[in-house]
Amino acid sequence: MKERRKETLIHIKRIQGQIDTLVKYIEQGKPCLDVAMLTTSIAKSFDTLRFRTLEGFIINHILEEKGVSKEKRIKKLNSLISLYKK
């Protein structure tokens, strides 16, 4: 679990770096295509982060949770799915 957290933090720092670069691009008046390409890259990186978060929650709080009924696990999973659909 610690390794997963470490990888997630590295991923977040990568996104922060991409956002910092985006700010510089806009401040420097870089071409719109460069800004659009970087924005798309940031969005894809963030989608990957969202997936990692969802995956981690499912693994740690639904699948491996001890002493919880199947119905309660399904309810948790449905709540999480609803959150991600927003």
C-alpha atoms as a PDB file:
ATOM      1  CA  MET A   1       0.000   0.000   0.000  1.00  0.00           C
ATOM      2  CA  LYS A   2       2.855   2.389   0.742  1.00  0.00           C
ATOM      3  CA  GLU A   3       4.254   1.791  -2.755  1.00  0.00           C
ATOM      4  CA  ARG A   4       0.891   2.674  -4.281  1.00  0.00           C
ATOM      5  CA  ARG A   5       0.762   5.924  -2.289  1.00  0.00           C
ATOM      6  CA  LYS A   6       4.284   6.779  -3.389  1.00  0.00           C
ATOM      7  CA  GLU A   7       3.376   6.174  -7.043  1.00  0.00           C
ATOM      8  CA  THR A   8       0.233   8.277  -6.653  1.00  0.00           C
ATOM      9  CA  LEU A   9       2.179  11.167  -5.151  1.00  0.00           C
ATOM     10  CA  ILE A  10       4.675  10.996  -8.009  1.00  0.00           C
ATOM     11  CA  HIS A  11       1.773  11.096 -10.448  1.00  0.00           C
ATOM     12  CA  ILE A  12       0.274  14.154  -8.707  1.00  0.00           C
ATOM     13  CA  LYS A  13       3.622  15.950  -8.794  1.00  0.00           C
ATOM     14  CA  ARG A  14       3.859  15.206 -12.510  1.00  0.00           C
ATOM     15  CA  ILE A  15       0.435  16.804 -13.014  1.00  0.00           C
ATOM     16  CA  GLN A  16       1.547  19.816 -10.949  1.00  0.00           C
ATOM     17  CA  GLY A  17       4.565  20.165 -13.221  1.00  0.00           C
ATOM     18  CA  GLN A  18       2.339  19.992 -16.285  1.00  0.00           C
ATOM     19  CA  ILE A  19       0.082  22.696 -14.854  1.00  0.00           C
ATOM     20  CA  ASP A  20       3.094  24.894 -14.038  1.00  0.00           C
ATOM     21  CA  THR A  21       4.234  24.475 -17.638  1.00  0.00           C
ATOM     22  CA  LEU A  22       0.745  25.366 -18.872  1.00  0.00           C
ATOM     23  CA  VAL A  23       0.835  28.604 -16.880  1.00  0.00           C
ATOM     24  CA  LYS A  24       4.223  29.446 -18.436  1.00  0.00           C
ATOM     25  CA  TYR A  25       2.903  28.653 -21.925  1.00  0.00           C
ATOM     26  CA  ILE A  26       0.011  31.050 -21.447  1.00  0.00           C
ATOM     27  CA  GLU A  27       2.189  33.759 -19.882  1.00  0.00           C
ATOM     28  CA  GLN A  28       4.667  33.453 -22.756  1.00  0.00           C
ATOM     29  CA  GLY A  29       1.938  33.571 -25.389  1.00  0.00           C
ATOM     30  CA  LYS A  30       2.738  30.138 -26.815  1.00  0.00           C
ATOM     31  CA  PRO A  31       0.654  29.069 -29.811  1.00  0.00           C
ATOM     32  CA  CYS A  32      -2.870  27.834 -29.082  1.00  0.00           C
ATOM     33  CA  LEU A  33      -2.023  24.406 -30.480  1.00  0.00           C
ATOM     34  CA  ASP A  34       0.788  23.975 -27.927  1.00  0.00           C
ATOM     35  CA  VAL A  35      -1.555  25.042 -25.115  1.00  0.00           C
ATOM     36  CA  ALA A  36      -4.299  22.706 -26.365  1.00  0.00           C
ATOM     37  CA  MET A  37      -1.919  19.750 -26.639  1.00  0.00           C
ATOM     38  CA  LEU A  38      -0.613  20.294 -23.116  1.00  0.00           C
ATOM     39  CA  THR A  39      -4.137  20.746 -21.768  1.00  0.00           C
ATOM     40  CA  THR A  40      -5.122  17.420 -23.337  1.00  0.00           C
ATOM     41  CA  SER A  41      -2.095  15.773 -21.780  1.00  0.00           C
ATOM     42  CA  ILE A  42      -3.026  17.172 -18.356  1.00  0.00           C
ATOM     43  CA  ALA A  43      -6.600  15.942 -18.743  1.00  0.00           C
ATOM     44  CA  LYS A  44      -5.396  12.434 -19.617  1.00  0.00           C
ATOM     45  CA  SER A  45      -3.015  12.446 -16.649  1.00  0.00           C
ATOM     46  CA  PHE A  46      -5.829  13.539 -14.353  1.00  0.00           C
ATOM     47  CA  ASP A  47      -8.136  10.833 -15.735  1.00  0.00           C
ATOM     48  CA  THR A  48      -5.448   8.277 -14.942  1.00  0.00           C
ATOM     49  CA  LEU A  49      -5.215   9.678 -11.403  1.00  0.00           C
ATOM     50  CA  ARG A  50      -8.998   9.416 -11.018  1.00  0.00           C
ATOM     51  CA  PHE A  51      -8.831   5.794 -12.153  1.00  0.00           C
ATOM     52  CA  ARG A  52      -6.000   5.009  -9.703  1.00  0.00           C
ATOM     53  CA  THR A  53      -8.068   6.553  -6.904  1.00  0.00           C
ATOM     54  CA  LEU A  54     -11.129   4.541  -7.852  1.00  0.00           C
ATOM     55  CA  GLU A  55      -9.085   1.372  -8.160  1.00  0.00           C
ATOM     56  CA  GLY A  56      -7.433   1.927  -4.774  1.00  0.00           C
ATOM     57  CA  PHE A  57     -10.746   2.555  -3.087  1.00  0.00           C
ATOM     58  CA  ILE A  58     -12.256  -0.591  -4.548  1.00  0.00           C
ATOM     59  CA  ILE A  59      -9.269  -2.687  -3.526  1.00  0.00           C
ATOM     60  CA  ASN A  60      -8.836  -1.269  -0.019  1.00  0.00           C
ATOM     61  CA  HIS A  61     -12.373  -0.452   1.073  1.00  0.00           C
ATOM     62  CA  ILE A  62     -14.612  -2.849  -0.768  1.00  0.00           C
ATOM     63  CA  LEU A  63     -12.813  -6.018  -1.790  1.00  0.00           C
ATOM     64  CA  GLU A  64     -10.507  -6.406   1.203  1.00  0.00           C
ATOM     65  CA  GLU A  65     -12.839  -5.074   3.888  1.00  0.00           C
ATOM     66  CA  LYS A  66     -13.439  -7.778   6.465  1.00  0.00           C
ATOM     67  CA  GLY A  67     -16.720  -8.447   8.235  1.00  0.00           C
ATOM     68  CA  VAL A  68     -18.881  -6.402   5.863  1.00  0.00           C
ATOM     69  CA  SER A  69     -21.898  -7.909   4.167  1.00  0.00           C
ATOM     70  CA  LYS A  70     -22.096  -8.247   0.405  1.00  0.00           C
ATOM     71  CA  GLU A  71     -25.057  -5.844   0.366  1.00  0.00           C
ATOM     72  CA  LYS A  72     -23.071  -3.145   2.188  1.00  0.00           C
ATOM     73  CA  ARG A  73     -20.128  -3.609  -0.201  1.00  0.00           C
ATOM     74  CA  ILE A  74     -22.446  -3.250  -3.198  1.00  0.00           C
ATOM     75  CA  LYS A  75     -23.971  -0.121  -1.665  1.00  0.00           C
ATOM     76  CA  LYS A  76     -20.495   1.399  -1.217  1.00  0.00           C
ATOM     77  CA  LEU A  77     -19.548   0.507  -4.772  1.00  0.00           C
ATOM     78  CA  ASN A  78     -22.748   2.043  -6.158  1.00  0.00           C
ATOM     79  CA  SER A  79     -22.122   5.235  -4.164  1.00  0.00           C
ATOM     80  CA  LEU A  80     -18.641   5.451  -5.589  1.00  0.00           C
ATOM     81  CA  ILE A  81     -19.856   4.853  -9.127  1.00  0.00           C
ATOM     82  CA  SER A  82     -22.424   7.629  -8.691  1.00  0.00           C
ATOM     83  CA  LEU A  83     -19.677   9.987  -7.554  1.00  0.00           C
ATOM     84  CA  TYR A  84     -17.587   9.244 -10.647  1.00  0.00           C
ATOM     85  CA  LYS A  85     -20.550   9.769 -12.975  1.00  0.00           C
ATOM     86  CA  LYS A  86     -20.967  13.394 -11.851  1.00  0.00           C
END
